[in-house]
Amino acid sequence: MLSVLLAIVVVAAASLAYVGVTINRDVVSRIEIINAVGSKTALVVYQPGLSSFPKDISYAFANGLALAGWRVKVTTASPQASSDLSNYSLLVLGFPIYGGNPGAAEVRYVGRLSNLQGIEIVIIATGAGSPGKSAETMKQKVLAAGGTVEESLTLFSMAPNEGNGSATDIARNAGTKIAP
């Protein structure tokens, strides 16, 4: 009986360690360009989550921006993501919610940004069903870096979302409403 209990504890500890490392790591990706002929350029920086939901929502919003006439660059929150935003008119921060807080990689990315003045910022928090203070926490970090949040969107994979359609439809529609 003690052996079974010890095995359960070891498996649980290993699982928690895996999840902890996974949700806090930086994922490096190449920059993807959507609508290379857009009139203004937006940068979408997202943190991948345990599921594909944060990525799917970030890309849906990016596709909405492209439909509205934006040139959109999409990448992940990592040390390789551009912290020089002088060539961008819009910054979109997409992140998963963990424990009611924004993902750590996205928080670290915002911490590397020194001057956000003159750039519109959109916050997209994604989670299973409880937002906690994640969007407000990220808004405070953006304000501390000199930015202004133009829009904040929280979408859920398991709880009902405000608006019509799926979460990806809502994100895409929200992106189309931001004119370049």
N, C-alpha and C. Protein backbone atom coordinates (compact mmCIF):
# COMPACT_ATOMS: atom_id res chain seq x y z
N MET A 1 0.82 -1.19 0.00
CA MET A 1 0.00 0.00 0.00
C MET A 1 0.87 1.26 0.00
N LEU A 2 1.92 1.25 0.78
CA LEU A 2 2.83 2.39 0.84
C LEU A 2 3.52 2.61 -0.50
N SER A 3 3.83 1.52 -1.19
CA SER A 3 4.46 1.63 -2.51
C SER A 3 3.52 2.30 -3.52
N VAL A 4 2.25 1.96 -3.47
CA VAL A 4 1.26 2.56 -4.37
C VAL A 4 1.13 4.05 -4.07
N LEU A 5 1.03 4.39 -2.80
CA LEU A 5 0.92 5.80 -2.41
C LEU A 5 2.15 6.59 -2.84
N LEU A 6 3.32 6.01 -2.65
CA LEU A 6 4.55 6.67 -3.05
C LEU A 6 4.59 6.86 -4.57
N ALA A 7 4.15 5.87 -5.32
CA ALA A 7 4.11 5.98 -6.78
C ALA A 7 3.16 7.09 -7.22
N ILE A 8 2.02 7.19 -6.57
CA ILE A 8 1.06 8.26 -6.90
C ILE A 8 1.66 9.63 -6.62
N VAL A 9 2.34 9.76 -5.50
CA VAL A 9 2.97 11.04 -5.15
C VAL A 9 4.05 11.41 -6.17
N VAL A 10 4.85 10.45 -6.57
CA VAL A 10 5.91 10.70 -7.55
C VAL A 10 5.32 11.12 -8.89
N VAL A 11 4.29 10.41 -9.34
CA VAL A 11 3.66 10.75 -10.62
C VAL A 11 3.01 12.14 -10.55
N ALA A 12 2.35 12.43 -9.45
CA ALA A 12 1.72 13.76 -9.28
C ALA A 12 2.76 14.86 -9.27
N ALA A 13 3.86 14.65 -8.57
CA ALA A 13 4.93 15.67 -8.51
C ALA A 13 5.55 15.87 -9.89
N ALA A 14 5.77 14.79 -10.62
CA ALA A 14 6.34 14.91 -11.96
C ALA A 14 5.38 15.63 -12.90
N SER A 15 4.10 15.34 -12.78
CA SER A 15 3.10 16.00 -13.61
C SER A 15 3.03 17.49 -13.31
N LEU A 16 3.03 17.85 -12.05
CA LEU A 16 3.00 19.27 -11.66
C LEU A 16 4.26 19.99 -12.13
N ALA A 17 5.41 19.35 -12.04
CA ALA A 17 6.65 19.96 -12.51
C ALA A 17 6.60 20.19 -14.01
N TYR A 18 6.08 19.21 -14.76
CA TYR A 18 5.95 19.35 -16.21
C TYR A 18 5.04 20.52 -16.57
N VAL A 19 3.90 20.60 -15.93
CA VAL A 19 2.96 21.69 -16.20
C VAL A 19 3.59 23.03 -15.83
N GLY A 20 4.26 23.10 -14.69
CA GLY A 20 4.91 24.34 -14.27
C GLY A 20 5.94 24.83 -15.26
N VAL A 21 6.76 23.92 -15.76
CA VAL A 21 7.77 24.28 -16.75
C VAL A 21 7.11 24.68 -18.06
N THR A 22 6.11 23.93 -18.48
CA THR A 22 5.45 24.19 -19.75
C THR A 22 4.76 25.55 -19.79
N ILE A 23 4.06 25.93 -18.73
CA ILE A 23 3.32 27.19 -18.77
C ILE A 23 4.21 28.41 -18.54
N ASN A 24 5.44 28.21 -18.09
CA ASN A 24 6.32 29.34 -17.82
C ASN A 24 7.45 29.50 -18.83
N ARG A 25 7.54 28.63 -19.80
CA ARG A 25 8.67 28.69 -20.72
C ARG A 25 8.43 29.65 -21.88
N ASP A 26 9.52 30.14 -22.43
CA ASP A 26 9.46 30.95 -23.64
C ASP A 26 9.51 30.02 -24.84
N VAL A 27 8.61 30.22 -25.78
CA VAL A 27 8.58 29.44 -27.01
C VAL A 27 9.00 30.37 -28.15
N VAL A 28 10.07 30.02 -28.82
CA VAL A 28 10.58 30.83 -29.92
C VAL A 28 9.93 30.35 -31.22
N SER A 29 9.42 31.29 -32.00
CA SER A 29 8.84 30.95 -33.30
C SER A 29 9.27 32.01 -34.31
N ARG A 30 9.14 31.64 -35.56
CA ARG A 30 9.44 32.61 -36.61
C ARG A 30 8.29 33.60 -36.72
N ILE A 31 8.53 34.70 -37.38
CA ILE A 31 7.48 35.70 -37.59
C ILE A 31 6.71 35.32 -38.85
N GLU A 32 5.39 35.24 -38.72
CA GLU A 32 4.52 35.00 -39.86
C GLU A 32 3.88 36.31 -40.26
N ILE A 33 3.80 36.56 -41.55
CA ILE A 33 3.18 37.78 -42.06
C ILE A 33 1.85 37.42 -42.71
N ILE A 34 0.82 38.13 -42.28
CA ILE A 34 -0.52 37.96 -42.86
C ILE A 34 -0.87 39.27 -43.53
N ASN A 35 -1.24 39.23 -44.81
CA ASN A 35 -1.59 40.41 -45.60
C ASN A 35 -0.40 41.37 -45.71
N ALA A 36 0.59 40.96 -46.47
CA ALA A 36 1.82 41.75 -46.61
C ALA A 36 1.59 43.13 -47.22
N VAL A 37 0.42 43.38 -47.80
CA VAL A 37 0.17 44.66 -48.46
C VAL A 37 -0.72 45.60 -47.62
N GLY A 38 -0.89 45.32 -46.36
CA GLY A 38 -1.72 46.18 -45.51
C GLY A 38 -1.15 47.58 -45.39
N SER A 39 -2.01 48.53 -45.04
CA SER A 39 -1.59 49.94 -45.00
C SER A 39 -0.79 50.30 -43.75
N LYS A 40 -1.07 49.67 -42.62
CA LYS A 40 -0.31 49.87 -41.38
C LYS A 40 0.05 48.50 -40.84
N THR A 41 1.07 48.46 -39.97
CA THR A 41 1.56 47.17 -39.49
C THR A 41 1.18 46.95 -38.04
N ALA A 42 0.65 45.76 -37.77
CA ALA A 42 0.33 45.33 -36.41
C ALA A 42 1.25 44.17 -36.05
N LEU A 43 1.65 44.11 -34.79
CA LEU A 43 2.43 43.01 -34.27
C LEU A 43 1.58 42.26 -33.26
N VAL A 44 1.35 40.98 -33.51
CA VAL A 44 0.61 40.11 -32.60
C VAL A 44 1.63 39.22 -31.91
N VAL A 45 1.76 39.38 -30.61
CA VAL A 45 2.67 38.56 -29.81
C VAL A 45 1.83 37.75 -28.85
N TYR A 46 1.88 36.44 -28.98
CA TYR A 46 1.06 35.58 -28.13
C TYR A 46 1.92 34.57 -27.40
N GLN A 47 1.40 34.10 -26.27
CA GLN A 47 2.04 33.02 -25.54
C GLN A 47 1.25 31.75 -25.77
N PRO A 48 1.90 30.72 -26.31
CA PRO A 48 1.20 29.44 -26.46
C PRO A 48 0.79 28.91 -25.08
N GLY A 49 -0.28 28.14 -25.06
CA GLY A 49 -0.74 27.57 -23.81
C GLY A 49 -0.62 26.06 -23.79
N LEU A 50 -1.23 25.45 -22.80
CA LEU A 50 -1.24 23.99 -22.72
C LEU A 50 -2.06 23.39 -23.85
N SER A 51 -3.04 24.14 -24.34
CA SER A 51 -3.82 23.73 -25.51
C SER A 51 -3.52 24.72 -26.64
N SER A 52 -4.12 24.51 -27.79
CA SER A 52 -3.90 25.41 -28.92
C SER A 52 -4.81 26.65 -28.85
N PHE A 53 -5.65 26.75 -27.83
CA PHE A 53 -6.64 27.82 -27.76
C PHE A 53 -6.02 29.22 -27.83
N PRO A 54 -4.98 29.56 -27.03
CA PRO A 54 -4.41 30.92 -27.14
C PRO A 54 -3.87 31.23 -28.55
N LYS A 55 -3.24 30.24 -29.18
CA LYS A 55 -2.72 30.44 -30.53
C LYS A 55 -3.88 30.62 -31.52
N ASP A 56 -4.90 29.77 -31.41
CA ASP A 56 -6.04 29.86 -32.33
C ASP A 56 -6.73 31.21 -32.24
N ILE A 57 -6.92 31.71 -31.02
CA ILE A 57 -7.58 33.00 -30.82
C ILE A 57 -6.70 34.14 -31.34
N SER A 58 -5.40 34.08 -31.07
CA SER A 58 -4.48 35.12 -31.55
C SER A 58 -4.47 35.18 -33.07
N TYR A 59 -4.45 34.02 -33.72
CA TYR A 59 -4.47 33.99 -35.18
C TYR A 59 -5.82 34.43 -35.74
N ALA A 60 -6.90 34.09 -35.07
CA ALA A 60 -8.22 34.55 -35.52
C ALA A 60 -8.28 36.07 -35.47
N PHE A 61 -7.79 36.66 -34.39
CA PHE A 61 -7.77 38.12 -34.28
C PHE A 61 -6.87 38.71 -35.37
N ALA A 62 -5.69 38.10 -35.59
CA ALA A 62 -4.77 38.57 -36.62
C ALA A 62 -5.42 38.51 -38.00
N ASN A 63 -6.15 37.44 -38.28
CA ASN A 63 -6.85 37.34 -39.56
C ASN A 63 -7.93 38.40 -39.70
N GLY A 64 -8.60 38.73 -38.60
CA GLY A 64 -9.58 39.83 -38.62
C GLY A 64 -8.91 41.16 -38.93
N LEU A 65 -7.74 41.39 -38.33
CA LEU A 65 -6.99 42.61 -38.63
C LEU A 65 -6.62 42.66 -40.11
N ALA A 66 -6.17 41.54 -40.64
CA ALA A 66 -5.80 41.49 -42.07
C ALA A 66 -7.01 41.80 -42.95
N LEU A 67 -8.17 41.28 -42.58
CA LEU A 67 -9.39 41.57 -43.35
C LEU A 67 -9.73 43.06 -43.29
N ALA A 68 -9.36 43.72 -42.19
CA ALA A 68 -9.63 45.15 -42.05
C ALA A 68 -8.59 46.01 -42.77
N GLY A 69 -7.54 45.40 -43.33
CA GLY A 69 -6.55 46.16 -44.09
C GLY A 69 -5.21 46.31 -43.41
N TRP A 70 -4.96 45.62 -42.31
CA TRP A 70 -3.68 45.68 -41.62
C TRP A 70 -2.68 44.71 -42.25
N ARG A 71 -1.42 45.08 -42.21
CA ARG A 71 -0.31 44.14 -42.43
C ARG A 71 -0.03 43.59 -41.04
N VAL A 72 -0.05 42.29 -40.88
CA VAL A 72 0.05 41.69 -39.55
C VAL A 72 1.25 40.77 -39.46
N LYS A 73 2.06 40.96 -38.43
CA LYS A 73 3.15 40.05 -38.12
C LYS A 73 2.78 39.34 -36.82
N VAL A 74 2.93 38.01 -36.82
CA VAL A 74 2.56 37.20 -35.67
C VAL A 74 3.78 36.41 -35.20
N THR A 75 4.02 36.44 -33.88
CA THR A 75 5.11 35.66 -33.30
C THR A 75 4.78 35.34 -31.85
N THR A 76 5.63 34.57 -31.23
CA THR A 76 5.41 34.20 -29.83
C THR A 76 6.19 35.11 -28.90
N ALA A 77 5.74 35.18 -27.66
CA ALA A 77 6.41 35.97 -26.63
C ALA A 77 7.68 35.24 -26.22
N SER A 78 8.81 35.78 -26.62
CA SER A 78 10.10 35.19 -26.28
C SER A 78 11.15 36.30 -26.35
N PRO A 79 12.35 36.04 -25.89
CA PRO A 79 13.40 37.06 -26.00
C PRO A 79 13.69 37.46 -27.45
N GLN A 80 13.34 36.61 -28.43
CA GLN A 80 13.57 36.94 -29.83
C GLN A 80 12.47 37.81 -30.42
N ALA A 81 11.34 37.94 -29.75
CA ALA A 81 10.26 38.80 -30.26
C ALA A 81 10.72 40.26 -30.18
N SER A 82 10.39 41.02 -31.19
CA SER A 82 10.85 42.41 -31.27
C SER A 82 10.39 43.24 -30.09
N SER A 83 11.33 43.94 -29.48
CA SER A 83 10.97 44.89 -28.43
C SER A 83 11.07 46.32 -28.97
N ASP A 84 11.55 46.47 -30.21
CA ASP A 84 11.55 47.76 -30.89
C ASP A 84 10.25 47.86 -31.67
N LEU A 85 9.33 48.65 -31.18
CA LEU A 85 8.00 48.74 -31.79
C LEU A 85 7.82 49.99 -32.64
N SER A 86 8.91 50.63 -33.02
CA SER A 86 8.82 51.87 -33.79
C SER A 86 8.19 51.68 -35.17
N ASN A 87 8.20 50.48 -35.71
CA ASN A 87 7.63 50.22 -37.03
C ASN A 87 6.20 49.71 -36.97
N TYR A 88 5.59 49.71 -35.79
CA TYR A 88 4.25 49.16 -35.61
C TYR A 88 3.27 50.23 -35.13
N SER A 89 2.04 50.13 -35.60
CA SER A 89 0.98 51.03 -35.17
C SER A 89 0.07 50.37 -34.14
N LEU A 90 0.13 49.03 -34.06
CA LEU A 90 -0.74 48.29 -33.16
C LEU A 90 0.03 47.11 -32.59
N LEU A 91 -0.11 46.90 -31.29
CA LEU A 91 0.48 45.74 -30.62
C LEU A 91 -0.66 44.95 -29.99
N VAL A 92 -0.73 43.66 -30.31
CA VAL A 92 -1.73 42.77 -29.75
C VAL A 92 -1.02 41.77 -28.86
N LEU A 93 -1.45 41.68 -27.60
CA LEU A 93 -0.87 40.75 -26.64
C LEU A 93 -1.88 39.65 -26.34
N GLY A 94 -1.60 38.45 -26.78
CA GLY A 94 -2.49 37.32 -26.54
C GLY A 94 -1.84 36.33 -25.59
N PHE A 95 -2.57 35.93 -24.56
CA PHE A 95 -1.95 35.05 -23.56
C PHE A 95 -2.99 34.17 -22.88
N PRO A 96 -2.52 33.02 -22.37
CA PRO A 96 -3.40 32.16 -21.58
C PRO A 96 -3.47 32.68 -20.14
N ILE A 97 -4.55 32.33 -19.48
CA ILE A 97 -4.75 32.68 -18.08
C ILE A 97 -4.38 31.45 -17.24
N TYR A 98 -3.47 31.63 -16.31
CA TYR A 98 -3.09 30.55 -15.39
C TYR A 98 -3.23 31.07 -13.96
N GLY A 99 -4.08 30.42 -13.20
CA GLY A 99 -4.27 30.84 -11.81
C GLY A 99 -4.82 32.25 -11.70
N GLY A 100 -5.59 32.68 -12.69
CA GLY A 100 -6.17 34.01 -12.67
C GLY A 100 -5.21 35.11 -13.10
N ASN A 101 -4.03 34.74 -13.58
CA ASN A 101 -3.00 35.71 -13.98
C ASN A 101 -2.57 35.47 -15.42
N PRO A 102 -2.01 36.49 -16.06
CA PRO A 102 -1.52 36.31 -17.42
C PRO A 102 -0.32 35.37 -17.45
N GLY A 103 -0.12 34.71 -18.58
CA GLY A 103 1.02 33.82 -18.73
C GLY A 103 2.34 34.53 -18.51
N ALA A 104 3.28 33.82 -17.89
CA ALA A 104 4.56 34.41 -17.48
C ALA A 104 5.40 34.89 -18.66
N ALA A 105 5.39 34.15 -19.77
CA ALA A 105 6.20 34.56 -20.93
C ALA A 105 5.72 35.90 -21.48
N GLU A 106 4.42 36.11 -21.49
CA GLU A 106 3.87 37.38 -22.00
C GLU A 106 4.21 38.52 -21.04
N VAL A 107 4.16 38.26 -19.76
CA VAL A 107 4.53 39.28 -18.76
C VAL A 107 6.00 39.65 -18.93
N ARG A 108 6.86 38.65 -19.14
CA ARG A 108 8.29 38.94 -19.35
C ARG A 108 8.48 39.76 -20.62
N TYR A 109 7.73 39.44 -21.68
CA TYR A 109 7.85 40.20 -22.93
C TYR A 109 7.48 41.67 -22.70
N VAL A 110 6.36 41.92 -22.05
CA VAL A 110 5.94 43.30 -21.78
C VAL A 110 6.99 44.00 -20.92
N GLY A 111 7.62 43.28 -20.01
CA GLY A 111 8.68 43.87 -19.19
C GLY A 111 9.89 44.31 -20.00
N ARG A 112 10.11 43.70 -21.17
CA ARG A 112 11.23 44.10 -22.02
C ARG A 112 10.92 45.32 -22.88
N LEU A 113 9.66 45.74 -22.92
CA LEU A 113 9.26 46.89 -23.73
C LEU A 113 9.50 48.15 -22.93
N SER A 114 10.18 49.10 -23.52
CA SER A 114 10.51 50.30 -22.77
C SER A 114 9.58 51.47 -23.04
N ASN A 115 9.13 51.63 -24.27
CA ASN A 115 8.32 52.80 -24.59
C ASN A 115 7.18 52.40 -25.52
N LEU A 116 5.98 52.38 -24.99
CA LEU A 116 4.81 52.00 -25.78
C LEU A 116 3.99 53.20 -26.24
N GLN A 117 4.47 54.40 -26.01
CA GLN A 117 3.69 55.58 -26.37
C GLN A 117 3.51 55.66 -27.87
N GLY A 118 2.29 55.99 -28.28
CA GLY A 118 1.98 56.14 -29.69
C GLY A 118 1.53 54.86 -30.36
N ILE A 119 1.50 53.77 -29.62
CA ILE A 119 1.09 52.49 -30.19
C ILE A 119 -0.20 52.04 -29.52
N GLU A 120 -1.21 51.74 -30.33
CA GLU A 120 -2.45 51.19 -29.78
C GLU A 120 -2.16 49.76 -29.31
N ILE A 121 -2.77 49.37 -28.19
CA ILE A 121 -2.53 48.04 -27.65
C ILE A 121 -3.86 47.35 -27.39
N VAL A 122 -3.92 46.09 -27.82
CA VAL A 122 -5.09 45.24 -27.58
C VAL A 122 -4.63 44.07 -26.72
N ILE A 123 -5.39 43.77 -25.68
CA ILE A 123 -5.10 42.65 -24.79
C ILE A 123 -6.13 41.56 -25.05
N ILE A 124 -5.65 40.33 -25.28
CA ILE A 124 -6.54 39.19 -25.46
C ILE A 124 -6.15 38.11 -24.46
N ALA A 125 -6.98 37.95 -23.44
CA ALA A 125 -6.77 36.91 -22.43
C ALA A 125 -7.61 35.70 -22.81
N THR A 126 -7.02 34.51 -22.72
CA THR A 126 -7.75 33.29 -23.06
C THR A 126 -7.66 32.32 -21.90
N GLY A 127 -8.76 31.64 -21.63
CA GLY A 127 -8.76 30.67 -20.54
C GLY A 127 -9.89 29.68 -20.68
N ALA A 128 -9.96 28.79 -19.70
CA ALA A 128 -11.00 27.76 -19.72
C ALA A 128 -12.33 28.31 -19.23
N GLY A 129 -12.31 29.22 -18.25
CA GLY A 129 -13.60 29.69 -17.77
C GLY A 129 -13.58 30.72 -16.67
N SER A 130 -12.44 31.02 -16.09
CA SER A 130 -12.40 32.01 -15.01
C SER A 130 -11.28 33.00 -15.29
N PRO A 131 -11.60 34.25 -15.57
CA PRO A 131 -10.57 35.20 -15.97
C PRO A 131 -9.69 35.70 -14.82
N GLY A 132 -10.21 35.65 -13.59
CA GLY A 132 -9.44 36.23 -12.50
C GLY A 132 -9.15 37.69 -12.78
N LYS A 133 -7.95 38.13 -12.46
CA LYS A 133 -7.54 39.52 -12.69
C LYS A 133 -6.56 39.62 -13.85
N SER A 134 -6.53 38.62 -14.72
CA SER A 134 -5.50 38.55 -15.74
C SER A 134 -5.46 39.75 -16.68
N ALA A 135 -6.59 40.14 -17.24
CA ALA A 135 -6.61 41.27 -18.17
C ALA A 135 -6.23 42.57 -17.45
N GLU A 136 -6.72 42.75 -16.24
CA GLU A 136 -6.39 43.95 -15.47
C GLU A 136 -4.91 43.97 -15.10
N THR A 137 -4.36 42.83 -14.74
CA THR A 137 -2.93 42.73 -14.43
C THR A 137 -2.09 43.12 -15.64
N MET A 138 -2.45 42.60 -16.82
CA MET A 138 -1.70 42.94 -18.03
C MET A 138 -1.88 44.41 -18.37
N LYS A 139 -3.08 44.94 -18.18
CA LYS A 139 -3.31 46.35 -18.45
C LYS A 139 -2.39 47.21 -17.59
N GLN A 140 -2.24 46.88 -16.33
CA GLN A 140 -1.36 47.64 -15.44
C GLN A 140 0.09 47.57 -15.89
N LYS A 141 0.52 46.42 -16.40
CA LYS A 141 1.88 46.28 -16.90
C LYS A 141 2.09 47.13 -18.15
N VAL A 142 1.08 47.17 -19.02
CA VAL A 142 1.16 47.99 -20.23
C VAL A 142 1.21 49.47 -19.86
N LEU A 143 0.37 49.88 -18.91
CA LEU A 143 0.38 51.27 -18.46
C LEU A 143 1.73 51.64 -17.86
N ALA A 144 2.33 50.73 -17.10
CA ALA A 144 3.64 50.99 -16.50
C ALA A 144 4.73 51.18 -17.56
N ALA A 145 4.53 50.56 -18.73
CA ALA A 145 5.49 50.72 -19.83
C ALA A 145 5.15 51.91 -20.72
N GLY A 146 4.17 52.71 -20.31
CA GLY A 146 3.83 53.92 -21.05
C GLY A 146 2.79 53.71 -22.14
N GLY A 147 2.13 52.57 -22.15
CA GLY A 147 1.16 52.27 -23.19
C GLY A 147 -0.26 52.63 -22.82
N THR A 148 -1.13 52.54 -23.80
CA THR A 148 -2.55 52.76 -23.63
C THR A 148 -3.29 51.57 -24.21
N VAL A 149 -4.18 50.99 -23.42
CA VAL A 149 -4.95 49.84 -23.89
C VAL A 149 -6.19 50.35 -24.59
N GLU A 150 -6.30 50.04 -25.88
CA GLU A 150 -7.45 50.45 -26.68
C GLU A 150 -8.61 49.49 -26.52
N GLU A 151 -8.29 48.21 -26.34
CA GLU A 151 -9.33 47.19 -26.22
C GLU A 151 -8.79 46.02 -25.41
N SER A 152 -9.68 45.39 -24.67
CA SER A 152 -9.34 44.20 -23.90
C SER A 152 -10.43 43.16 -24.15
N LEU A 153 -10.01 41.96 -24.48
CA LEU A 153 -10.92 40.89 -24.84
C LEU A 153 -10.56 39.66 -24.03
N THR A 154 -11.53 39.03 -23.39
CA THR A 154 -11.31 37.79 -22.66
C THR A 154 -12.22 36.73 -23.26
N LEU A 155 -11.62 35.63 -23.72
CA LEU A 155 -12.39 34.57 -24.36
C LEU A 155 -12.09 33.24 -23.68
N PHE A 156 -13.13 32.41 -23.62
CA PHE A 156 -13.04 31.15 -22.90
C PHE A 156 -13.22 29.96 -23.83
N SER A 157 -12.52 28.89 -23.54
CA SER A 157 -12.66 27.67 -24.32
C SER A 157 -13.81 26.81 -23.80
N MET A 158 -14.15 26.92 -22.51
CA MET A 158 -15.20 26.06 -21.95
C MET A 158 -16.40 26.81 -21.40
N ALA A 159 -16.25 28.05 -21.05
CA ALA A 159 -17.36 28.84 -20.51
C ALA A 159 -17.99 29.65 -21.64
N PRO A 160 -19.22 30.09 -21.46
CA PRO A 160 -19.85 30.92 -22.49
C PRO A 160 -19.11 32.25 -22.67
N ASN A 161 -19.02 32.70 -23.90
CA ASN A 161 -18.40 33.98 -24.22
C ASN A 161 -19.48 35.00 -24.53
N GLU A 162 -19.16 36.26 -24.27
CA GLU A 162 -20.07 37.33 -24.64
C GLU A 162 -19.94 37.55 -26.14
N GLY A 163 -21.05 37.57 -26.84
CA GLY A 163 -21.03 37.75 -28.29
C GLY A 163 -21.58 36.53 -28.99
N ASN A 164 -21.71 36.65 -30.28
CA ASN A 164 -22.29 35.57 -31.09
C ASN A 164 -21.20 34.74 -31.75
N GLY A 165 -21.42 33.46 -31.83
CA GLY A 165 -20.50 32.57 -32.51
C GLY A 165 -19.48 31.97 -31.57
N SER A 166 -18.54 31.25 -32.19
CA SER A 166 -17.48 30.60 -31.43
C SER A 166 -16.48 31.66 -30.97
N ALA A 167 -15.58 31.25 -30.10
CA ALA A 167 -14.55 32.17 -29.60
C ALA A 167 -13.68 32.68 -30.76
N THR A 168 -13.35 31.80 -31.71
CA THR A 168 -12.54 32.26 -32.85
C THR A 168 -13.32 33.24 -33.73
N ASP A 169 -14.63 33.02 -33.89
CA ASP A 169 -15.45 33.98 -34.65
C ASP A 169 -15.47 35.34 -33.94
N ILE A 170 -15.62 35.31 -32.63
CA ILE A 170 -15.65 36.57 -31.85
C ILE A 170 -14.32 37.30 -32.00
N ALA A 171 -13.22 36.56 -31.89
CA ALA A 171 -11.88 37.18 -32.02
C ALA A 171 -11.70 37.76 -33.41
N ARG A 172 -12.05 37.00 -34.46
CA ARG A 172 -11.90 37.50 -35.83
C ARG A 172 -12.74 38.75 -36.06
N ASN A 173 -13.99 38.72 -35.58
CA ASN A 173 -14.86 39.89 -35.73
C ASN A 173 -14.32 41.11 -34.98
N ALA A 174 -13.75 40.89 -33.81
CA ALA A 174 -13.16 42.00 -33.05
C ALA A 174 -11.98 42.60 -33.82
N GLY A 175 -11.19 41.75 -34.48
CA GLY A 175 -10.08 42.25 -35.26
C GLY A 175 -10.52 43.07 -36.46
N THR A 176 -11.63 42.69 -37.07
CA THR A 176 -12.10 43.44 -38.25
C THR A 176 -12.59 44.83 -37.89
N LYS A 177 -12.90 45.06 -36.63
CA LYS A 177 -13.42 46.37 -36.21
C LYS A 177 -12.34 47.40 -35.92
N ILE A 178 -11.08 47.01 -36.01
CA ILE A 178 -9.99 47.94 -35.75
C ILE A 178 -9.42 48.39 -37.09
N ALA A 179 -9.71 49.60 -37.44
CA ALA A 179 -9.27 50.14 -38.74
C ALA A 179 -7.81 50.56 -38.66
N PRO A 180 -7.08 50.34 -39.76
CA PRO A 180 -5.67 50.79 -39.78
C PRO A 180 -5.55 52.30 -39.83
